[in-house]
Amino acid sequence: MTKLRPPISIDTALARIAGQVDGGWDAMAVHVGYQARTVRAWGDVDRAEQISLPIAIALDILFQSHGGVGAPLFEAHGDMVRIAAGDAFGDKQELRRETIDFMRETNEANLALLEAAEPDAGDAEQVIATKQVLDVRQWADRILTRLGRKPP
């Protein structure tokens, strides 16, 4: 049975290195002083023994010395940290995105209000300003709800 593996994984990074390095898994094993089956096994998240940081660095450098671009294990670790941070702080990240949208909407309302205050402004500018301010209020209510407060 084939074990399903996520696309961003140590296993994928190791396979990328093996594909780049002349001699593949065997050459990687010799380079770090382990058996090829052990090097392959580091990609299995269910195994207790995982790749160490010094070995990951050595394999990324080996990859580069064989013409590879990037650092597969470093990149995989970075991706894994970003995913874990998203899981841990997803609500905060969503709040940040909504805050940016709120700021953009507020800026649009500010501009519409300034245009409505011009001496030659007419009904059209008033309507646009009113719509923009109401949009800001909707965003404010949405953010208040996210923060656990009921909008007024």
Foldseek 3Di string as FASTA:
>chain_A
DDDDDDCLFPLVLLQLLQVQAVVRLCVLCVQVVHHSVVSNCLRPPPDPDHDDPVSLVSSQVNSVVSPHPDRSVVVSVVVVVVVVCCVVCVLVVVLVVLVVVLVVLVVQLVVLVVQCPDPPHDPVSVVSNVVSVVVSLVSVQVSCVSVVHHRD
